[in-house]
Amino acid sequence: MTRRKRYSAEFKAKVALEAIREELTTAELAKKYDIHPTMISGWKRTAIENMAQAFNGQATAEPTISAAEVEKLHAKIGQLVVERDFLSEASSFVLGAGGKKR
């Protein structure tokens, strides 16, 4: 069974822009990039639908994380470190010195 190819967002945008410009037909673009024409049509449709978002005037900012969330995450990290160290010690007792199987 063959695996699906994954294309980067930059590649999709490049192909969609070429399709929007209509310098080549969809079939010609498909042959040029070795992609099914349906994929190109979908990328073109998606690019056109989402084009207005580029001009909405709001910059996409990273979501803000509250101090409480940061503190909660630090506590979880600390808990996981303690558990890891405990399990490392316990494995050395079960498996022998060094924690490696013999």
PDB file of N, CA and C in Angstrom:
ATOM      1  N   MET A   1       0.840  -1.177   0.000  1.00  0.00           N
ATOM      2  CA  MET A   1       0.000   0.000   0.000  1.00  0.00           C
ATOM      3  C   MET A   1       0.887   1.242   0.000  1.00  0.00           C
ATOM      4  N   THR A   2       0.562   2.221  -0.827  1.00  0.00           N
ATOM      5  CA  THR A   2       1.377   3.419  -0.930  1.00  0.00           C
ATOM      6  C   THR A   2       0.955   4.451   0.095  1.00  0.00           C
ATOM      7  N   ARG A   3       1.934   5.225   0.540  1.00  0.00           N
ATOM      8  CA  ARG A   3       1.656   6.289   1.495  1.00  0.00           C
ATOM      9  C   ARG A   3       1.282   7.556   0.748  1.00  0.00           C
ATOM     10  N   ARG A   4       0.430   8.370   1.358  1.00  0.00           N
ATOM     11  CA  ARG A   4       0.057   9.642   0.756  1.00  0.00           C
ATOM     12  C   ARG A   4       1.208  10.624   0.871  1.00  0.00           C
ATOM     13  N   LYS A   5       1.355  11.427  -0.152  1.00  0.00           N
ATOM     14  CA  LYS A   5       2.360  12.474  -0.119  1.00  0.00           C
ATOM     15  C   LYS A   5       1.827  13.633   0.699  1.00  0.00           C
ATOM     16  N   ARG A   6       2.698  14.257   1.446  1.00  0.00           N
ATOM     17  CA  ARG A   6       2.344  15.446   2.217  1.00  0.00           C
ATOM     18  C   ARG A   6       3.043  16.632   1.566  1.00  0.00           C
ATOM     19  N   TYR A   7       2.283  17.658   1.284  1.00  0.00           N
ATOM     20  CA  TYR A   7       2.833  18.840   0.654  1.00  0.00           C
ATOM     21  C   TYR A   7       2.854  19.986   1.654  1.00  0.00           C
ATOM     22  N   SER A   8       3.902  20.796   1.600  1.00  0.00           N
ATOM     23  CA  SER A   8       4.023  21.926   2.525  1.00  0.00           C
ATOM     24  C   SER A   8       3.021  23.010   2.139  1.00  0.00           C
ATOM     25  N   ALA A   9       2.735  23.870   3.090  1.00  0.00           N
ATOM     26  CA  ALA A   9       1.812  24.975   2.848  1.00  0.00           C
ATOM     27  C   ALA A   9       2.371  25.910   1.779  1.00  0.00           C
ATOM     28  N   GLU A  10       3.690  26.096   1.775  1.00  0.00           N
ATOM     29  CA  GLU A  10       4.316  26.963   0.777  1.00  0.00           C
ATOM     30  C   GLU A  10       4.138  26.397  -0.631  1.00  0.00           C
ATOM     31  N   PHE A  11       4.296  25.084  -0.758  1.00  0.00           N
ATOM     32  CA  PHE A  11       4.129  24.449  -2.063  1.00  0.00           C
ATOM     33  C   PHE A  11       2.689  24.567  -2.540  1.00  0.00           C
ATOM     34  N   LYS A  12       1.741  24.310  -1.628  1.00  0.00           N
ATOM     35  CA  LYS A  12       0.321  24.416  -1.980  1.00  0.00           C
ATOM     36  C   LYS A  12      -0.012  25.830  -2.420  1.00  0.00           C
ATOM     37  N   ALA A  13       0.512  26.829  -1.687  1.00  0.00           N
ATOM     38  CA  ALA A  13       0.246  28.226  -2.027  1.00  0.00           C
ATOM     39  C   ALA A  13       0.827  28.570  -3.388  1.00  0.00           C
ATOM     40  N   LYS A  14       2.018  28.066  -3.673  1.00  0.00           N
ATOM     41  CA  LYS A  14       2.666  28.328  -4.959  1.00  0.00           C
ATOM     42  C   LYS A  14       1.832  27.769  -6.114  1.00  0.00           C
ATOM     43  N   VAL A  15       1.398  26.527  -5.967  1.00  0.00           N
ATOM     44  CA  VAL A  15       0.607  25.887  -7.022  1.00  0.00           C
ATOM     45  C   VAL A  15      -0.755  26.566  -7.151  1.00  0.00           C
ATOM     46  N   ALA A  16      -1.384  26.896  -6.017  1.00  0.00           N
ATOM     47  CA  ALA A  16      -2.687  27.552  -6.054  1.00  0.00           C
ATOM     48  C   ALA A  16      -2.581  28.912  -6.725  1.00  0.00           C
ATOM     49  N   LEU A  17      -1.510  29.653  -6.438  1.00  0.00           N
ATOM     50  CA  LEU A  17      -1.327  30.963  -7.055  1.00  0.00           C
ATOM     51  C   LEU A  17      -1.156  30.834  -8.563  1.00  0.00           C
ATOM     52  N   GLU A  18      -0.411  29.832  -8.993  1.00  0.00           N
ATOM     53  CA  GLU A  18      -0.263  29.601 -10.434  1.00  0.00           C
ATOM     54  C   GLU A  18      -1.608  29.257 -11.062  1.00  0.00           C
ATOM     55  N   ALA A  19      -2.424  28.493 -10.343  1.00  0.00           N
ATOM     56  CA  ALA A  19      -3.746  28.131 -10.867  1.00  0.00           C
ATOM     57  C   ALA A  19      -4.648  29.358 -10.933  1.00  0.00           C
ATOM     58  N   ILE A  20      -4.552  30.248  -9.949  1.00  0.00           N
ATOM     59  CA  ILE A  20      -5.363  31.467  -9.947  1.00  0.00           C
ATOM     60  C   ILE A  20      -4.949  32.383 -11.090  1.00  0.00           C
ATOM     61  N   ARG A  21      -3.659  32.454 -11.377  1.00  0.00           N
ATOM     62  CA  ARG A  21      -3.168  33.297 -12.471  1.00  0.00           C
ATOM     63  C   ARG A  21      -3.630  32.799 -13.840  1.00  0.00           C
ATOM     64  N   GLU A  22      -3.917  31.514 -13.931  1.00  0.00           N
ATOM     65  CA  GLU A  22      -4.414  30.876 -15.160  1.00  0.00           C
ATOM     66  C   GLU A  22      -3.477  31.023 -16.345  1.00  0.00           C
ATOM     67  N   GLU A  23      -2.168  31.036 -16.067  1.00  0.00           N
ATOM     68  CA  GLU A  23      -1.195  31.047 -17.159  1.00  0.00           C
ATOM     69  C   GLU A  23      -1.104  29.666 -17.800  1.00  0.00           C
ATOM     70  N   LEU A  24      -1.349  28.626 -16.991  1.00  0.00           N
ATOM     71  CA  LEU A  24      -1.392  27.246 -17.460  1.00  0.00           C
ATOM     72  C   LEU A  24      -2.729  26.657 -17.029  1.00  0.00           C
ATOM     73  N   THR A  25      -3.203  25.669 -17.773  1.00  0.00           N
ATOM     74  CA  THR A  25      -4.438  25.005 -17.382  1.00  0.00           C
ATOM     75  C   THR A  25      -4.176  24.118 -16.166  1.00  0.00           C
ATOM     76  N   THR A  26      -5.245  23.701 -15.525  1.00  0.00           N
ATOM     77  CA  THR A  26      -5.110  22.816 -14.366  1.00  0.00           C
ATOM     78  C   THR A  26      -4.426  21.515 -14.769  1.00  0.00           C
ATOM     79  N   ALA A  27      -4.760  21.011 -15.947  1.00  0.00           N
ATOM     80  CA  ALA A  27      -4.140  19.772 -16.433  1.00  0.00           C
ATOM     81  C   ALA A  27      -2.641  19.968 -16.650  1.00  0.00           C
ATOM     82  N   GLU A  28      -2.253  21.116 -17.189  1.00  0.00           N
ATOM     83  CA  GLU A  28      -0.836  21.391 -17.411  1.00  0.00           C
ATOM     84  C   GLU A  28      -0.083  21.530 -16.081  1.00  0.00           C
ATOM     85  N   LEU A  29      -0.717  22.198 -15.109  1.00  0.00           N
ATOM     86  CA  LEU A  29      -0.107  22.312 -13.789  1.00  0.00           C
ATOM     87  C   LEU A  29       0.025  20.940 -13.130  1.00  0.00           C
ATOM     88  N   ALA A  30      -0.999  20.111 -13.305  1.00  0.00           N
ATOM     89  CA  ALA A  30      -0.969  18.770 -12.731  1.00  0.00           C
ATOM     90  C   ALA A  30       0.194  17.965 -13.301  1.00  0.00           C
ATOM     91  N   LYS A  31       0.403  18.090 -14.584  1.00  0.00           N
ATOM     92  CA  LYS A  31       1.507  17.379 -15.222  1.00  0.00           C
ATOM     93  C   LYS A  31       2.852  17.963 -14.789  1.00  0.00           C
ATOM     94  N   LYS A  32       2.927  19.297 -14.669  1.00  0.00           N
ATOM     95  CA  LYS A  32       4.161  19.977 -14.285  1.00  0.00           C
ATOM     96  C   LYS A  32       4.619  19.562 -12.887  1.00  0.00           C
ATOM     97  N   TYR A  33       3.668  19.486 -11.950  1.00  0.00           N
ATOM     98  CA  TYR A  33       4.015  19.195 -10.562  1.00  0.00           C
ATOM     99  C   TYR A  33       3.719  17.751 -10.159  1.00  0.00           C
ATOM    100  N   ASP A  34       3.235  16.942 -11.084  1.00  0.00           N
ATOM    101  CA  ASP A  34       2.910  15.540 -10.819  1.00  0.00           C
ATOM    102  C   ASP A  34       1.917  15.416  -9.661  1.00  0.00           C
ATOM    103  N   ILE A  35       0.812  16.165  -9.804  1.00  0.00           N
ATOM    104  CA  ILE A  35      -0.257  16.199  -8.805  1.00  0.00           C
ATOM    105  C   ILE A  35      -1.566  15.986  -9.537  1.00  0.00           C
ATOM    106  N   HIS A  36      -2.526  15.390  -8.866  1.00  0.00           N
ATOM    107  CA  HIS A  36      -3.838  15.189  -9.469  1.00  0.00           C
ATOM    108  C   HIS A  36      -4.538  16.551  -9.626  1.00  0.00           C
ATOM    109  N   PRO A  37      -5.197  16.774 -10.757  1.00  0.00           N
ATOM    110  CA  PRO A  37      -5.873  18.060 -10.998  1.00  0.00           C
ATOM    111  C   PRO A  37      -6.912  18.416  -9.925  1.00  0.00           C
ATOM    112  N   THR A  38      -7.548  17.430  -9.340  1.00  0.00           N
ATOM    113  CA  THR A  38      -8.535  17.696  -8.293  1.00  0.00           C
ATOM    114  C   THR A  38      -7.886  18.364  -7.085  1.00  0.00           C
ATOM    115  N   MET A  39      -6.663  17.955  -6.758  1.00  0.00           N
ATOM    116  CA  MET A  39      -5.956  18.568  -5.631  1.00  0.00           C
ATOM    117  C   MET A  39      -5.679  20.039  -5.917  1.00  0.00           C
ATOM    118  N   ILE A  40      -5.265  20.328  -7.129  1.00  0.00           N
ATOM    119  CA  ILE A  40      -4.973  21.712  -7.502  1.00  0.00           C
ATOM    120  C   ILE A  40      -6.238  22.548  -7.413  1.00  0.00           C
ATOM    121  N   SER A  41      -7.340  22.028  -7.896  1.00  0.00           N
ATOM    122  CA  SER A  41      -8.607  22.761  -7.828  1.00  0.00           C
ATOM    123  C   SER A  41      -9.019  23.021  -6.386  1.00  0.00           C
ATOM    124  N   GLY A  42      -8.821  22.051  -5.523  1.00  0.00           N
ATOM    125  CA  GLY A  42      -9.140  22.220  -4.105  1.00  0.00           C
ATOM    126  C   GLY A  42      -8.267  23.270  -3.451  1.00  0.00           C
ATOM    127  N   TRP A  43      -6.969  23.233  -3.738  1.00  0.00           N
ATOM    128  CA  TRP A  43      -6.048  24.222  -3.166  1.00  0.00           C
ATOM    129  C   TRP A  43      -6.401  25.623  -3.656  1.00  0.00           C
ATOM    130  N   LYS A  44      -6.770  25.725  -4.938  1.00  0.00           N
ATOM    131  CA  LYS A  44      -7.148  27.019  -5.504  1.00  0.00           C
ATOM    132  C   LYS A  44      -8.395  27.547  -4.813  1.00  0.00           C
ATOM    133  N   ARG A  45      -9.402  26.690  -4.635  1.00  0.00           N
ATOM    134  CA  ARG A  45     -10.649  27.087  -3.970  1.00  0.00           C
ATOM    135  C   ARG A  45     -10.380  27.535  -2.537  1.00  0.00           C
ATOM    136  N   THR A  46      -9.546  26.781  -1.825  1.00  0.00           N
ATOM    137  CA  THR A  46      -9.207  27.123  -0.443  1.00  0.00           C
ATOM    138  C   THR A  46      -8.478  28.458  -0.381  1.00  0.00           C
ATOM    139  N   ALA A  47      -7.561  28.686  -1.304  1.00  0.00           N
ATOM    140  CA  ALA A  47      -6.808  29.945  -1.321  1.00  0.00           C
ATOM    141  C   ALA A  47      -7.732  31.129  -1.557  1.00  0.00           C
ATOM    142  N   ILE A  48      -8.661  30.984  -2.471  1.00  0.00           N
ATOM    143  CA  ILE A  48      -9.593  32.073  -2.766  1.00  0.00           C
ATOM    144  C   ILE A  48     -10.516  32.329  -1.579  1.00  0.00           C
ATOM    145  N   GLU A  49     -11.005  31.262  -0.939  1.00  0.00           N
ATOM    146  CA  GLU A  49     -11.906  31.420   0.203  1.00  0.00           C
ATOM    147  C   GLU A  49     -11.218  32.095   1.386  1.00  0.00           C
ATOM    148  N   ASN A  50      -9.943  31.810   1.591  1.00  0.00           N
ATOM    149  CA  ASN A  50      -9.228  32.348   2.749  1.00  0.00           C
ATOM    150  C   ASN A  50      -8.449  33.621   2.451  1.00  0.00           C
ATOM    151  N   MET A  51      -8.553  34.124   1.242  1.00  0.00           N
ATOM    152  CA  MET A  51      -7.796  35.304   0.856  1.00  0.00           C
ATOM    153  C   MET A  51      -8.217  36.544   1.641  1.00  0.00           C
ATOM    154  N   ALA A  52      -9.482  36.676   1.977  1.00  0.00           N
ATOM    155  CA  ALA A  52      -9.974  37.855   2.687  1.00  0.00           C
ATOM    156  C   ALA A  52      -9.351  37.974   4.071  1.00  0.00           C
ATOM    157  N   GLN A  53      -8.985  36.870   4.681  1.00  0.00           N
ATOM    158  CA  GLN A  53      -8.382  36.895   6.013  1.00  0.00           C
ATOM    159  C   GLN A  53      -7.043  37.623   6.025  1.00  0.00           C
ATOM    160  N   ALA A  54      -6.371  37.663   4.899  1.00  0.00           N
ATOM    161  CA  ALA A  54      -5.087  38.352   4.823  1.00  0.00           C
ATOM    162  C   ALA A  54      -5.260  39.859   4.919  1.00  0.00           C
ATOM    163  N   PHE A  55      -6.464  40.350   4.646  1.00  0.00           N
ATOM    164  CA  PHE A  55      -6.711  41.783   4.630  1.00  0.00           C
ATOM    165  C   PHE A  55      -7.662  42.245   5.727  1.00  0.00           C
ATOM    166  N   ASN A  56      -7.900  41.429   6.753  1.00  0.00           N
ATOM    167  CA  ASN A  56      -8.867  41.800   7.772  1.00  0.00           C
ATOM    168  C   ASN A  56      -8.322  42.814   8.770  1.00  0.00           C
ATOM    169  N   GLY A  57      -7.036  43.159   8.703  1.00  0.00           N
ATOM    170  CA  GLY A  57      -6.474  44.197   9.543  1.00  0.00           C
ATOM    171  C   GLY A  57      -6.001  43.715  10.897  1.00  0.00           C
ATOM    172  N   GLN A  58      -6.267  42.492  11.252  1.00  0.00           N
ATOM    173  CA  GLN A  58      -5.832  41.972  12.531  1.00  0.00           C
ATOM    174  C   GLN A  58      -4.691  40.993  12.296  1.00  0.00           C
ATOM    175  N   ALA A  59      -3.615  41.251  12.992  1.00  0.00           N
ATOM    176  CA  ALA A  59      -2.484  40.328  12.898  1.00  0.00           C
ATOM    177  C   ALA A  59      -2.793  39.103  13.748  1.00  0.00           C
ATOM    178  N   THR A  60      -2.420  37.971  13.244  1.00  0.00           N
ATOM    179  CA  THR A  60      -2.657  36.751  14.014  1.00  0.00           C
ATOM    180  C   THR A  60      -1.617  36.671  15.110  1.00  0.00           C
ATOM    181  N   ALA A  61      -2.062  36.855  16.335  1.00  0.00           N
ATOM    182  CA  ALA A  61      -1.168  36.814  17.485  1.00  0.00           C
ATOM    183  C   ALA A  61      -1.216  35.430  18.112  1.00  0.00           C
ATOM    184  N   GLU A  62      -0.141  35.085  18.770  1.00  0.00           N
ATOM    185  CA  GLU A  62      -0.116  33.814  19.472  1.00  0.00           C
ATOM    186  C   GLU A  62      -1.063  33.905  20.660  1.00  0.00           C
ATOM    187  N   PRO A  63      -1.728  32.821  20.984  1.00  0.00           N
ATOM    188  CA  PRO A  63      -2.648  32.865  22.122  1.00  0.00           C
ATOM    189  C   PRO A  63      -1.885  33.149  23.413  1.00  0.00           C
ATOM    190  N   THR A  64      -2.485  33.975  24.253  1.00  0.00           N
ATOM    191  CA  THR A  64      -1.826  34.317  25.504  1.00  0.00           C
ATOM    192  C   THR A  64      -2.097  33.227  26.539  1.00  0.00           C
ATOM    193  N   ILE A  65      -1.113  32.988  27.375  1.00  0.00           N
ATOM    194  CA  ILE A  65      -1.240  31.980  28.423  1.00  0.00           C
ATOM    195  C   ILE A  65      -1.165  32.711  29.751  1.00  0.00           C
ATOM    196  N   SER A  66      -2.123  32.438  30.587  1.00  0.00           N
ATOM    197  CA  SER A  66      -2.167  33.125  31.877  1.00  0.00           C
ATOM    198  C   SER A  66      -1.076  32.585  32.804  1.00  0.00           C
ATOM    199  N   ALA A  67      -0.782  33.357  33.824  1.00  0.00           N
ATOM    200  CA  ALA A  67       0.234  32.956  34.794  1.00  0.00           C
ATOM    201  C   ALA A  67      -0.194  31.691  35.532  1.00  0.00           C
ATOM    202  N   ALA A  68      -1.491  31.549  35.765  1.00  0.00           N
ATOM    203  CA  ALA A  68      -1.994  30.357  36.448  1.00  0.00           C
ATOM    204  C   ALA A  68      -1.752  29.104  35.605  1.00  0.00           C
ATOM    205  N   GLU A  69      -1.948  29.222  34.302  1.00  0.00           N
ATOM    206  CA  GLU A  69      -1.709  28.083  33.414  1.00  0.00           C
ATOM    207  C   GLU A  69      -0.229  27.716  33.388  1.00  0.00           C
ATOM    208  N   VAL A  70       0.636  28.736  33.367  1.00  0.00           N
ATOM    209  CA  VAL A  70       2.073  28.483  33.374  1.00  0.00           C
ATOM    210  C   VAL A  70       2.474  27.783  34.665  1.00  0.00           C
ATOM    211  N   GLU A  71       1.936  28.264  35.788  1.00  0.00           N
ATOM    212  CA  GLU A  71       2.248  27.645  37.081  1.00  0.00           C
ATOM    213  C   GLU A  71       1.771  26.193  37.125  1.00  0.00           C
ATOM    214  N   LYS A  72       0.575  25.943  36.571  1.00  0.00           N
ATOM    215  CA  LYS A  72       0.034  24.586  36.533  1.00  0.00           C
ATOM    216  C   LYS A  72       0.925  23.666  35.692  1.00  0.00           C
ATOM    217  N   LEU A  73       1.402  24.171  34.556  1.00  0.00           N
ATOM    218  CA  LEU A  73       2.269  23.381  33.686  1.00  0.00           C
ATOM    219  C   LEU A  73       3.624  23.105  34.346  1.00  0.00           C
ATOM    220  N   HIS A  74       4.161  24.086  35.053  1.00  0.00           N
ATOM    221  CA  HIS A  74       5.419  23.882  35.770  1.00  0.00           C
ATOM    222  C   HIS A  74       5.256  22.823  36.854  1.00  0.00           C
ATOM    223  N   ALA A  75       4.128  22.839  37.542  1.00  0.00           N
ATOM    224  CA  ALA A  75       3.862  21.832  38.575  1.00  0.00           C
ATOM    225  C   ALA A  75       3.786  20.445  37.953  1.00  0.00           C
ATOM    226  N   LYS A  76       3.136  20.345  36.811  1.00  0.00           N
ATOM    227  CA  LYS A  76       3.013  19.052  36.132  1.00  0.00           C
ATOM    228  C   LYS A  76       4.392  18.545  35.694  1.00  0.00           C
ATOM    229  N   ILE A  77       5.223  19.444  35.183  1.00  0.00           N
ATOM    230  CA  ILE A  77       6.577  19.061  34.770  1.00  0.00           C
ATOM    231  C   ILE A  77       7.356  18.544  35.968  1.00  0.00           C
ATOM    232  N   GLY A  78       7.245  19.255  37.090  1.00  0.00           N
ATOM    233  CA  GLY A  78       7.932  18.818  38.301  1.00  0.00           C
ATOM    234  C   GLY A  78       7.477  17.442  38.745  1.00  0.00           C
ATOM    235  N   GLN A  79       6.159  17.211  38.686  1.00  0.00           N
ATOM    236  CA  GLN A  79       5.609  15.916  39.066  1.00  0.00           C
ATOM    237  C   GLN A  79       6.150  14.816  38.160  1.00  0.00           C
ATOM    238  N   LEU A  80       6.199  15.068  36.871  1.00  0.00           N
ATOM    239  CA  LEU A  80       6.681  14.067  35.927  1.00  0.00           C
ATOM    240  C   LEU A  80       8.174  13.780  36.120  1.00  0.00           C
ATOM    241  N   VAL A  81       8.949  14.786  36.465  1.00  0.00           N
ATOM    242  CA  VAL A  81      10.371  14.585  36.716  1.00  0.00           C
ATOM    243  C   VAL A  81      10.567  13.685  37.935  1.00  0.00           C
ATOM    244  N   VAL A  82       9.791  13.958  38.990  1.00  0.00           N
ATOM    245  CA  VAL A  82       9.888  13.135  40.201  1.00  0.00           C
ATOM    246  C   VAL A  82       9.500  11.691  39.889  1.00  0.00           C
ATOM    247  N   GLU A  83       8.414  11.502  39.131  1.00  0.00           N
ATOM    248  CA  GLU A  83       7.983  10.145  38.772  1.00  0.00           C
ATOM    249  C   GLU A  83       9.032   9.436  37.927  1.00  0.00           C
ATOM    250  N   ARG A  84       9.625  10.154  36.994  1.00  0.00           N
ATOM    251  CA  ARG A  84      10.655   9.562  36.143  1.00  0.00           C
ATOM    252  C   ARG A  84      11.844   9.109  36.976  1.00  0.00           C
ATOM    253  N   ASP A  85      12.291   9.985  37.886  1.00  0.00           N
ATOM    254  CA  ASP A  85      13.430   9.631  38.731  1.00  0.00           C
ATOM    255  C   ASP A  85      13.108   8.437  39.626  1.00  0.00           C
ATOM    256  N   PHE A  86      11.894   8.406  40.166  1.00  0.00           N
ATOM    257  CA  PHE A  86      11.485   7.293  41.017  1.00  0.00           C
ATOM    258  C   PHE A  86      11.488   5.985  40.240  1.00  0.00           C
ATOM    259  N   LEU A  87      10.922   6.022  39.040  1.00  0.00           N
ATOM    260  CA  LEU A  87      10.860   4.808  38.228  1.00  0.00           C
ATOM    261  C   LEU A  87      12.253   4.369  37.772  1.00  0.00           C
ATOM    262  N   SER A  88      13.134   5.312  37.551  1.00  0.00           N
ATOM    263  CA  SER A  88      14.499   4.974  37.180  1.00  0.00           C
ATOM    264  C   SER A  88      15.186   4.236  38.322  1.00  0.00           C
ATOM    265  N   GLU A  89      14.988   4.749  39.551  1.00  0.00           N
ATOM    266  CA  GLU A  89      15.557   4.083  40.728  1.00  0.00           C
ATOM    267  C   GLU A  89      14.951   2.695  40.924  1.00  0.00           C
ATOM    268  N   ALA A  90      13.634   2.597  40.776  1.00  0.00           N
ATOM    269  CA  ALA A  90      12.950   1.322  40.972  1.00  0.00           C
ATOM    270  C   ALA A  90      13.394   0.296  39.939  1.00  0.00           C
ATOM    271  N   SER A  91      13.614   0.734  38.720  1.00  0.00           N
ATOM    272  CA  SER A  91      14.027  -0.215  37.680  1.00  0.00           C
ATOM    273  C   SER A  91      15.416  -0.764  37.962  1.00  0.00           C
ATOM    274  N   SER A  92      16.269   0.036  38.615  1.00  0.00           N
ATOM    275  CA  SER A  92      17.607  -0.470  38.927  1.00  0.00           C
ATOM    276  C   SER A  92      17.538  -1.584  39.964  1.00  0.00           C
ATOM    277  N   PHE A  93      16.552  -1.527  40.874  1.00  0.00           N
ATOM    278  CA  PHE A  93      16.380  -2.597  41.848  1.00  0.00           C
ATOM    279  C   PHE A  93      15.832  -3.856  41.192  1.00  0.00           C
ATOM    280  N   VAL A  94      14.914  -3.677  40.237  1.00  0.00           N
ATOM    281  CA  VAL A  94      14.275  -4.818  39.591  1.00  0.00           C
ATOM    282  C   VAL A  94      15.201  -5.463  38.567  1.00  0.00           C
ATOM    283  N   LEU A  95      15.859  -4.642  37.769  1.00  0.00           N
ATOM    284  CA  LEU A  95      16.671  -5.169  36.691  1.00  0.00           C
ATOM    285  C   LEU A  95      18.145  -5.335  37.054  1.00  0.00           C
ATOM    286  N   GLY A  96      18.542  -4.890  38.200  1.00  0.00           N
ATOM    287  CA  GLY A  96      19.942  -5.012  38.606  1.00  0.00           C
ATOM    288  C   GLY A  96      20.641  -3.672  38.465  1.00  0.00           C
ATOM    289  N   ALA A  97      21.930  -3.656  38.683  1.00  0.00           N
ATOM    290  CA  ALA A  97      22.714  -2.427  38.657  1.00  0.00           C
ATOM    291  C   ALA A  97      22.678  -1.780  37.272  1.00  0.00           C
ATOM    292  N   GLY A  98      22.515  -0.500  37.254  1.00  0.00           N
ATOM    293  CA  GLY A  98      22.525   0.236  35.987  1.00  0.00           C
ATOM    294  C   GLY A  98      21.183   0.262  35.286  1.00  0.00           C
ATOM    295  N   GLY A  99      20.216  -0.483  35.742  1.00  0.00           N
ATOM    296  CA  GLY A  99      18.904  -0.463  35.120  1.00  0.00           C
ATOM    297  C   GLY A  99      18.853  -1.117  33.757  1.00  0.00           C
ATOM    298  N   LYS A 100      19.859  -1.933  33.446  1.00  0.00           N
ATOM    299  CA  LYS A 100      19.873  -2.582  32.133  1.00  0.00           C
ATOM    300  C   LYS A 100      19.630  -4.064  32.298  1.00  0.00           C
ATOM    301  N   LYS A 101      19.003  -4.637  31.298  1.00  0.00           N
ATOM    302  CA  LYS A 101      18.778  -6.089  31.323  1.00  0.00           C
ATOM    303  C   LYS A 101      20.098  -6.809  31.124  1.00  0.00           C
ATOM    304  N   ARG A 102      20.202  -7.974  31.723  1.00  0.00           N
ATOM    305  CA  ARG A 102      21.426  -8.765  31.579  1.00  0.00           C
ATOM    306  C   ARG A 102      21.302  -9.770  30.498  1.00  0.00           C
TER     307      ARG A 102
END
